[in-house]
Amino acid sequence: MAGKGRTRGKGARKEPQRAPVAGSRLPGGGFDLITPGEHLCCFYRGKKEEYSITIPFFLAGLRNNEKCIYILDDNTREEVIQEFKTHEPKIEGYLRSKQLELLSSDETYLREGYFDPEKMVELLKQNEERALGEGYRGLRASGQMSWALRKSPGVERLVEYESRLNRFFPGSKTSAICLYDESKFEPKILHDIILVHPKIIIKGLVCKNHRYVPPDDFMAISQGKISRRIYERIRDDIYDREMAEIEHKKAEEALRESEERFRMLVETMNEGLCVLDEKGNITYVNERFCKMMGYSREELIGRRMIDFVDSEYVKVFEENFSREKKGEHRSYELVRIRKDGQKIHTITSAAPIFDPDGHFKGAFAVVTDITELKKWSRRCGRARRSTARWWSTPPIPSTCSTGS
């Protein structure tokens, strides 16, 4: 990899902080899940897909104060720099400080004129030690592996090299992505490459590799030496996976049963139930709420709840929803408007919903129709007032006279 690096002393110019790059996470989990000590390979087709992996991978490392080494074979230094600039206009600063280095396969894998797995692993160790000595948190590396398609001596040891790396990475401060353009390599090579990488990036998705073979086992198998330990590991792996699948199916069935019980409870309850997102849009309603409002479920989902609130109660709704965002459980009276235009009086008991990070995601509410109770209350009020007037009216004097 690199020659002698430039030590970052006290007088070294400090590079400005970089703004996070949008979309710097892989769809399958992202670069916060690619940690020091991990060895991945990436199968891709074309430069666009390659850059969608490598550029965010390195920019995440640069922001984390890691040394980054990108080994090129198919791509030129100029086009890679230009691609970096579309995401980080000040990439030249990282290149000048040599926090980011762009090297060729001839400077690294084939620098002796041939490929030697042991020397390459040793070179990787030296670059990690140099990076840590210069004050970096670790090392990130990624290399285009198309150099192995040449007729150079030693390239037939490519898979052996990849397997040997699995002794180096665990416990190290280095993470690496080996880049394979699957349109150029024979299926046999790609198959073996799968076996020697604990994780694989396929179509942008970081996948845990269940077909991974540890280095000692792989070397023994490649030499035709199948020990009892290797047999037992393979046997136990098959058994463990089958048991895990059985347990997974049991858990899924239990979850389905639990969800069905909950669904029946929600759909048959006497009160209306609705769920809102963080903007107050309706995401779920039960059948009782639909009947209460006179709308179908399809007519309600996606609409703003405030659209169904009487204009005199809009501020009441807004104030209570705002307080739910702060974590309060609220219970309040609200007049809603049915599809036929009638007003219904309701009691809304609402509770906020937060995600594991504490971000407000919406609220769910139990809605009770108290329209008839309101009518009955008004009738009782009128009856009480009428009775009170009757008792407060003075009795009429009797005008009956007796006979002479």
Protein backbone atom coordinates (compact mmCIF):
# COMPACT_ATOMS: atom_id res chain seq x y z
CA MET A 1 0.00 0.00 0.00
CA ALA A 2 1.41 3.38 0.87
CA GLY A 3 5.02 4.22 1.41
CA LYS A 4 6.04 6.28 4.42
CA GLY A 5 3.12 8.38 5.56
CA ARG A 6 3.43 11.97 6.70
CA THR A 7 3.14 12.16 10.48
CA ARG A 8 0.53 14.64 11.63
CA GLY A 9 2.35 16.73 14.20
CA LYS A 10 1.16 19.76 16.15
CA GLY A 11 2.03 22.05 13.28
CA ALA A 12 0.05 20.11 10.69
CA ARG A 13 -2.78 22.02 9.07
CA LYS A 14 -6.12 20.90 10.45
CA GLU A 15 -8.72 20.11 7.82
CA PRO A 16 -12.20 21.65 8.27
CA GLN A 17 -15.07 19.55 9.53
CA ARG A 18 -17.05 17.95 6.71
CA ALA A 19 -20.81 18.02 6.52
CA PRO A 20 -22.44 14.57 6.49
CA VAL A 21 -23.16 13.28 3.00
CA ALA A 22 -26.77 12.48 2.24
CA GLY A 23 -27.30 8.82 1.45
CA SER A 24 -24.06 7.67 3.04
CA ARG A 25 -25.71 4.52 4.34
CA LEU A 26 -26.10 1.28 2.51
CA PRO A 27 -29.71 0.10 2.14
CA GLY A 28 -28.97 -3.02 4.19
CA GLY A 29 -27.87 -1.31 7.39
CA GLY A 30 -25.16 1.12 6.43
CA PHE A 31 -21.71 2.17 7.37
CA ASP A 32 -22.54 2.47 11.07
CA LEU A 33 -22.65 -1.36 10.91
CA ILE A 34 -19.30 -1.72 9.13
CA THR A 35 -16.91 -1.56 12.04
CA PRO A 36 -13.14 -2.02 12.51
CA GLY A 37 -12.17 -5.68 12.13
CA GLU A 38 -14.69 -6.45 9.38
CA HIS A 39 -13.78 -8.06 6.06
CA LEU A 40 -16.37 -7.74 3.30
CA CYS A 41 -16.52 -8.31 -0.41
CA CYS A 42 -18.73 -6.49 -2.86
CA PHE A 43 -20.10 -7.92 -6.09
CA TYR A 44 -21.01 -5.18 -8.54
CA ARG A 45 -21.55 -4.44 -12.22
CA GLY A 46 -20.16 -1.20 -13.58
CA LYS A 47 -18.56 1.89 -12.09
CA LYS A 48 -21.82 3.51 -11.00
CA GLU A 49 -22.65 0.64 -8.65
CA GLU A 50 -19.04 0.46 -7.43
CA TYR A 51 -18.96 4.17 -6.58
CA SER A 52 -22.31 3.93 -4.79
CA ILE A 53 -20.51 1.66 -2.30
CA THR A 54 -16.93 2.91 -2.12
CA ILE A 55 -17.46 6.69 -2.04
CA PRO A 56 -19.83 6.66 0.98
CA PHE A 57 -17.65 4.00 2.65
CA PHE A 58 -14.57 6.21 2.48
CA LEU A 59 -16.36 9.49 3.27
CA ALA A 60 -17.76 7.88 6.43
CA GLY A 61 -14.20 6.85 7.35
CA LEU A 62 -12.80 10.31 6.68
CA ARG A 63 -15.41 11.92 8.91
CA ASN A 64 -14.53 9.38 11.60
CA ASN A 65 -10.82 10.31 11.41
CA GLU A 66 -9.77 7.02 9.82
CA LYS A 67 -6.98 6.57 7.30
CA CYS A 68 -8.44 5.54 3.93
CA ILE A 69 -6.71 3.69 1.08
CA TYR A 70 -8.46 3.09 -2.25
CA ILE A 71 -6.57 0.67 -4.54
CA LEU A 72 -7.40 1.19 -8.21
CA ASP A 73 -7.05 -1.13 -11.18
CA ASP A 74 -9.84 -0.45 -13.69
CA ASN A 75 -10.45 3.19 -12.76
CA THR A 76 -8.10 6.11 -13.20
CA ARG A 77 -7.07 8.41 -10.37
CA GLU A 78 -8.58 11.42 -12.16
CA GLU A 79 -12.06 9.93 -12.59
CA VAL A 80 -12.14 8.70 -8.99
CA ILE A 81 -11.23 12.18 -7.70
CA GLN A 82 -13.95 13.68 -9.87
CA GLU A 83 -16.49 11.22 -8.44
CA PHE A 84 -15.41 12.10 -4.89
CA LYS A 85 -15.87 15.80 -5.66
CA THR A 86 -19.54 15.30 -6.50
CA HIS A 87 -20.04 14.32 -2.84
CA GLU A 88 -17.24 16.23 -1.11
CA PRO A 89 -16.03 19.32 -2.99
CA LYS A 90 -13.02 19.70 -0.66
CA ILE A 91 -11.71 16.18 -1.17
CA GLU A 92 -8.37 17.61 -2.31
CA GLY A 93 -7.66 18.55 1.31
CA TYR A 94 -7.90 14.91 2.37
CA LEU A 95 -5.62 13.92 -0.50
CA ARG A 96 -3.02 16.56 0.42
CA SER A 97 -2.97 15.43 4.04
CA LYS A 98 -2.79 11.81 2.81
CA GLN A 99 -5.68 10.81 5.03
CA LEU A 100 -7.05 9.53 1.72
CA GLU A 101 -4.64 7.78 -0.65
CA LEU A 102 -5.40 6.52 -4.15
CA LEU A 103 -2.95 3.77 -5.09
CA SER A 104 -2.61 1.39 -8.01
CA SER A 105 -2.60 -2.39 -7.92
CA ASP A 106 1.00 -2.27 -9.17
CA GLU A 107 1.95 -0.28 -6.03
CA THR A 108 0.28 -2.77 -3.74
CA TYR A 109 -0.82 -6.25 -4.77
CA LEU A 110 1.79 -6.61 -7.53
CA ARG A 111 4.51 -4.27 -6.31
CA GLU A 112 7.13 -7.04 -6.44
CA GLY A 113 6.07 -7.96 -9.96
CA TYR A 114 4.16 -10.93 -8.59
CA PHE A 115 1.48 -11.58 -5.97
CA ASP A 116 2.40 -12.95 -2.56
CA PRO A 117 -0.48 -13.36 -0.03
CA GLU A 118 1.80 -13.33 3.03
CA LYS A 119 3.55 -10.13 1.96
CA MET A 120 0.25 -8.44 1.16
CA VAL A 121 -1.19 -9.27 4.59
CA GLU A 122 2.01 -7.95 6.17
CA LEU A 123 1.71 -4.74 4.14
CA LEU A 124 -1.83 -4.30 5.42
CA LYS A 125 -0.60 -4.69 9.01
CA GLN A 126 2.11 -2.09 8.42
CA ASN A 127 -0.39 0.41 7.04
CA GLU A 128 -2.64 -0.08 10.05
CA GLU A 129 0.27 0.49 12.45
CA ARG A 130 1.30 3.59 10.50
CA ALA A 131 -2.26 4.96 10.55
CA LEU A 132 -2.57 4.49 14.31
CA GLY A 133 0.88 6.02 14.81
CA GLU A 134 -0.22 9.11 12.87
CA GLY A 135 -3.19 9.58 15.20
CA TYR A 136 -5.97 8.07 13.12
CA ARG A 137 -8.67 5.92 14.72
CA GLY A 138 -8.10 3.11 12.28
CA LEU A 139 -7.74 2.13 8.64
CA ARG A 140 -10.29 1.70 5.87
CA ALA A 141 -9.25 -0.01 2.65
CA SER A 142 -10.95 -1.07 -0.54
CA GLY A 143 -9.39 -2.55 -3.65
CA GLN A 144 -10.50 -3.42 -7.16
CA MET A 145 -9.56 -7.07 -7.57
CA SER A 146 -9.47 -7.20 -11.39
CA TRP A 147 -5.64 -7.27 -11.27
CA ALA A 148 -6.05 -10.98 -10.42
CA LEU A 149 -7.29 -11.58 -13.99
CA ARG A 150 -3.83 -10.85 -15.38
CA LYS A 151 -1.21 -13.54 -16.03
CA SER A 152 1.04 -12.26 -13.23
CA PRO A 153 2.75 -14.91 -11.08
CA GLY A 154 0.89 -15.71 -7.88
CA VAL A 155 -2.58 -14.52 -8.91
CA GLU A 156 -3.80 -18.13 -8.62
CA ARG A 157 -3.43 -17.64 -4.82
CA LEU A 158 -6.15 -14.96 -4.71
CA VAL A 159 -8.68 -17.04 -2.74
CA GLU A 160 -5.94 -18.21 -0.36
CA TYR A 161 -5.09 -14.54 0.30
CA GLU A 162 -8.72 -13.65 0.99
CA SER A 163 -8.94 -16.54 3.45
CA ARG A 164 -5.69 -15.53 5.20
CA LEU A 165 -7.11 -12.04 5.77
CA ASN A 166 -9.68 -13.57 8.11
CA ARG A 167 -6.88 -14.25 10.58
CA PHE A 168 -5.78 -10.62 10.47
CA PHE A 169 -9.07 -8.69 10.66
CA PRO A 170 -10.64 -9.93 13.93
CA GLY A 171 -9.43 -7.60 16.69
CA SER A 172 -7.77 -5.20 14.25
CA LYS A 173 -8.55 -1.53 13.66
CA THR A 174 -9.00 -2.11 9.93
CA SER A 175 -12.12 -2.63 7.83
CA ALA A 176 -12.00 -3.50 4.15
CA ILE A 177 -14.22 -4.09 1.13
CA CYS A 178 -12.80 -6.26 -1.68
CA LEU A 179 -14.35 -5.23 -5.00
CA TYR A 180 -15.30 -7.84 -7.60
CA ASP A 181 -16.87 -6.89 -10.92
CA GLU A 182 -18.95 -10.03 -11.34
CA SER A 183 -19.17 -9.54 -15.10
CA LYS A 184 -15.41 -10.18 -15.37
CA PHE A 185 -14.76 -13.10 -13.01
CA GLU A 186 -15.55 -16.75 -13.65
CA PRO A 187 -18.35 -18.27 -11.51
CA LYS A 188 -15.90 -20.70 -9.88
CA ILE A 189 -13.79 -17.81 -8.54
CA LEU A 190 -16.85 -15.86 -7.36
CA HIS A 191 -18.15 -18.98 -5.59
CA ASP A 192 -14.88 -19.42 -3.69
CA ILE A 193 -14.75 -15.69 -2.88
CA ILE A 194 -18.16 -16.02 -1.24
CA LEU A 195 -16.85 -18.79 1.01
CA VAL A 196 -14.02 -16.68 2.44
CA HIS A 197 -15.91 -13.46 3.32
CA PRO A 198 -17.93 -13.20 6.56
CA LYS A 199 -20.11 -10.47 5.00
CA ILE A 200 -21.01 -9.71 1.39
CA ILE A 201 -22.46 -6.59 -0.23
CA ILE A 202 -24.95 -7.59 -2.92
CA LYS A 203 -26.96 -4.92 -4.77
CA GLY A 204 -26.09 -2.45 -2.02
CA LEU A 205 -27.30 -4.75 0.75
CA VAL A 206 -24.88 -5.80 3.51
CA CYS A 207 -25.54 -9.51 4.00
CA LYS A 208 -24.28 -11.82 6.72
CA ASN A 209 -22.73 -14.76 4.89
CA HIS A 210 -24.06 -18.07 6.21
CA ARG A 211 -21.82 -19.96 3.78
CA TYR A 212 -18.64 -18.45 5.22
CA VAL A 213 -15.83 -20.97 5.95
CA PRO A 214 -13.21 -20.05 8.59
CA PRO A 215 -9.61 -19.85 7.29
CA ASP A 216 -8.28 -23.05 8.90
CA ASP A 217 -11.21 -25.07 7.60
CA PHE A 218 -11.01 -23.53 4.14
CA MET A 219 -7.29 -24.28 3.79
CA ALA A 220 -7.84 -27.87 4.94
CA ILE A 221 -10.76 -28.40 2.55
CA SER A 222 -8.84 -26.88 -0.38
CA GLN A 223 -6.01 -29.34 0.32
CA GLY A 224 -8.41 -32.27 0.58
CA LYS A 225 -7.86 -32.66 4.32
CA ILE A 226 -11.27 -33.10 5.95
CA SER A 227 -10.81 -33.61 9.68
CA ARG A 228 -13.49 -34.81 12.10
CA ARG A 229 -13.63 -31.28 13.51
CA ILE A 230 -14.53 -29.88 10.08
CA TYR A 231 -17.15 -32.59 9.57
CA GLU A 232 -18.69 -31.91 13.01
CA ARG A 233 -18.73 -28.16 12.42
CA ILE A 234 -20.59 -28.61 9.12
CA ARG A 235 -22.97 -31.16 10.70
CA ASP A 236 -23.69 -28.93 13.68
CA ASP A 237 -24.16 -25.90 11.44
CA ILE A 238 -26.84 -27.74 9.45
CA TYR A 239 -28.57 -28.83 12.66
CA ASP A 240 -28.38 -25.37 14.26
CA ARG A 241 -29.79 -23.68 11.17
CA GLU A 242 -32.70 -26.13 11.01
CA MET A 243 -33.47 -25.61 14.70
CA ALA A 244 -33.27 -21.86 14.24
CA GLU A 245 -35.72 -22.12 11.34
CA ILE A 246 -38.11 -24.21 13.45
CA GLU A 247 -37.96 -21.69 16.29
CA HIS A 248 -38.42 -18.84 13.83
CA LYS A 249 -41.56 -20.46 12.41
CA LYS A 250 -42.92 -21.02 15.92
CA ALA A 251 -42.28 -17.39 16.80
CA GLU A 252 -43.96 -16.23 13.57
CA GLU A 253 -47.01 -18.38 14.27
CA ALA A 254 -47.25 -17.08 17.85
CA LEU A 255 -46.97 -13.54 16.53
CA ARG A 256 -49.72 -14.14 13.96
CA GLU A 257 -52.01 -15.54 16.65
CA SER A 258 -51.29 -12.61 18.93
CA GLU A 259 -51.92 -10.13 16.12
CA GLU A 260 -55.20 -11.85 15.24
CA ARG A 261 -56.39 -11.69 18.86
CA PHE A 262 -55.44 -8.03 19.03
CA ARG A 263 -57.18 -7.32 15.71
CA MET A 264 -60.39 -8.96 16.92
CA LEU A 265 -60.22 -7.00 20.16
CA VAL A 266 -59.73 -3.70 18.36
CA GLU A 267 -62.37 -4.32 15.69
CA THR A 268 -65.06 -5.47 18.11
CA MET A 269 -64.52 -2.92 20.87
CA ASN A 270 -67.42 -0.52 21.60
CA GLU A 271 -65.26 2.59 21.29
CA GLY A 272 -63.71 4.03 18.17
CA LEU A 273 -59.94 3.70 17.78
CA CYS A 274 -57.76 5.79 15.51
CA VAL A 275 -54.02 6.20 15.01
CA LEU A 276 -52.39 9.39 13.71
CA ASP A 277 -48.89 9.99 12.41
CA GLU A 278 -46.64 12.83 13.58
CA LYS A 279 -48.42 15.27 11.24
CA GLY A 280 -51.90 14.39 12.44
CA ASN A 281 -52.78 12.26 9.41
CA ILE A 282 -54.94 9.18 9.95
CA THR A 283 -53.04 5.90 9.52
CA TYR A 284 -55.53 3.46 11.10
CA VAL A 285 -59.18 3.39 12.22
CA ASN A 286 -61.29 0.53 13.52
CA GLU A 287 -64.76 -0.38 12.32
CA ARG A 288 -66.51 1.34 15.22
CA PHE A 289 -64.85 4.68 14.41
CA CYS A 290 -65.91 4.31 10.76
CA LYS A 291 -69.55 3.76 11.74
CA MET A 292 -69.35 6.64 14.20
CA MET A 293 -68.19 9.00 11.43
CA GLY A 294 -70.18 7.53 8.56
CA TYR A 295 -67.10 7.01 6.38
CA SER A 296 -65.43 3.89 5.02
CA ARG A 297 -61.92 3.05 6.18
CA GLU A 298 -60.55 3.90 2.73
CA GLU A 299 -62.12 7.37 2.91
CA LEU A 300 -60.43 8.12 6.24
CA ILE A 301 -56.93 6.67 5.87
CA GLY A 302 -54.45 9.34 4.79
CA ARG A 303 -56.74 12.28 5.60
CA ARG A 304 -56.00 14.88 8.25
CA MET A 305 -57.95 14.27 11.43
CA ILE A 306 -58.50 18.00 11.77
CA ASP A 307 -60.61 17.90 8.58
CA PHE A 308 -63.30 16.04 10.53
CA VAL A 309 -63.35 18.41 13.52
CA ASP A 310 -66.02 21.09 14.01
CA SER A 311 -64.55 24.55 13.34
CA GLU A 312 -65.26 25.70 16.90
CA TYR A 313 -63.13 22.84 18.24
CA VAL A 314 -60.15 23.07 15.86
CA LYS A 315 -58.05 24.96 18.42
CA VAL A 316 -58.97 22.37 21.06
CA PHE A 317 -57.65 19.60 18.82
CA GLU A 318 -54.48 21.50 17.89
CA GLU A 319 -53.65 22.37 21.49
CA ASN A 320 -54.10 18.80 22.70
CA PHE A 321 -52.15 17.27 19.78
CA SER A 322 -49.33 19.71 20.49
CA ARG A 323 -49.23 18.58 24.12
CA GLU A 324 -49.22 14.93 23.03
CA LYS A 325 -46.05 15.68 21.06
CA LYS A 326 -44.48 16.64 24.40
CA GLY A 327 -45.39 13.25 25.85
CA GLU A 328 -48.65 14.08 27.62
CA HIS A 329 -51.64 11.75 27.73
CA ARG A 330 -54.76 13.79 27.01
CA SER A 331 -58.50 13.37 27.54
CA TYR A 332 -60.76 16.04 26.11
CA GLU A 333 -64.15 16.71 24.55
CA LEU A 334 -64.30 17.21 20.81
CA VAL A 335 -67.15 17.82 18.38
CA ARG A 336 -66.64 15.94 15.11
CA ILE A 337 -68.46 16.22 11.78
CA ARG A 338 -69.96 13.08 10.23
CA LYS A 339 -70.08 12.45 6.48
CA ASP A 340 -73.79 13.43 6.48
CA GLY A 341 -72.92 16.75 8.12
CA GLN A 342 -74.27 15.89 11.58
CA LYS A 343 -72.25 16.88 14.61
CA ILE A 344 -71.30 14.26 17.17
CA HIS A 345 -69.93 14.94 20.63
CA THR A 346 -67.00 12.73 21.63
CA ILE A 347 -64.56 12.16 24.44
CA THR A 348 -61.07 11.57 23.07
CA SER A 349 -58.51 9.78 25.22
CA ALA A 350 -55.16 10.05 23.44
CA ALA A 351 -51.63 8.80 24.12
CA PRO A 352 -48.43 9.70 22.24
CA ILE A 353 -46.28 7.25 20.27
CA PHE A 354 -42.49 7.54 20.34
CA ASP A 355 -39.83 5.50 18.54
CA PRO A 356 -36.89 3.90 20.44
CA ASP A 357 -34.85 7.07 19.90
CA GLY A 358 -37.49 9.21 21.59
CA HIS A 359 -38.82 10.84 18.40
CA PHE A 360 -42.56 11.58 18.29
CA LYS A 361 -44.21 9.33 15.68
CA GLY A 362 -47.87 10.15 16.29
CA ALA A 363 -50.67 9.23 18.70
CA PHE A 364 -53.46 6.75 19.13
CA ALA A 365 -56.83 7.67 20.60
CA VAL A 366 -59.89 5.93 21.96
CA VAL A 367 -62.98 7.88 20.90
CA THR A 368 -66.30 7.59 22.75
CA ASP A 369 -69.49 8.95 21.23
CA ILE A 370 -71.36 10.90 23.93
CA THR A 371 -73.92 12.56 21.63
CA GLU A 372 -76.90 10.73 23.18
CA LEU A 373 -75.52 11.40 26.64
CA LYS A 374 -75.38 15.09 25.76
CA LYS A 375 -78.99 15.02 24.51
CA TRP A 376 -80.14 13.20 27.63
CA SER A 377 -78.23 15.69 29.77
CA ARG A 378 -79.95 18.62 28.01
CA ARG A 379 -83.37 16.98 28.46
CA CYS A 380 -82.65 16.43 32.13
CA GLY A 381 -81.55 20.04 32.39
CA ARG A 382 -84.77 21.29 30.86
CA ALA A 383 -86.80 19.02 33.15
CA ARG A 384 -84.94 20.29 36.21
CA ARG A 385 -85.50 23.90 35.20
CA SER A 386 -89.21 23.25 34.56
CA THR A 387 -89.60 21.56 37.94
CA ALA A 388 -87.76 24.39 39.64
CA ARG A 389 -90.11 26.97 38.07
CA TRP A 390 -93.18 24.95 39.13
CA TRP A 391 -92.04 24.81 42.76
CA SER A 392 -91.13 28.49 42.81
CA THR A 393 -94.58 29.63 41.49
CA PRO A 394 -96.90 30.81 44.40
CA PRO A 395 -100.05 28.71 44.81
CA ILE A 396 -103.27 30.21 43.30
CA PRO A 397 -105.77 31.23 46.08
CA SER A 398 -108.95 29.14 46.14
CA THR A 399 -112.13 30.98 44.97
CA CYS A 400 -114.54 28.24 45.98
CA SER A 401 -117.39 29.45 48.25
CA THR A 402 -119.63 27.47 50.46
CA GLY A 403 -123.41 27.54 50.20
CA SER A 404 -125.50 29.71 52.48
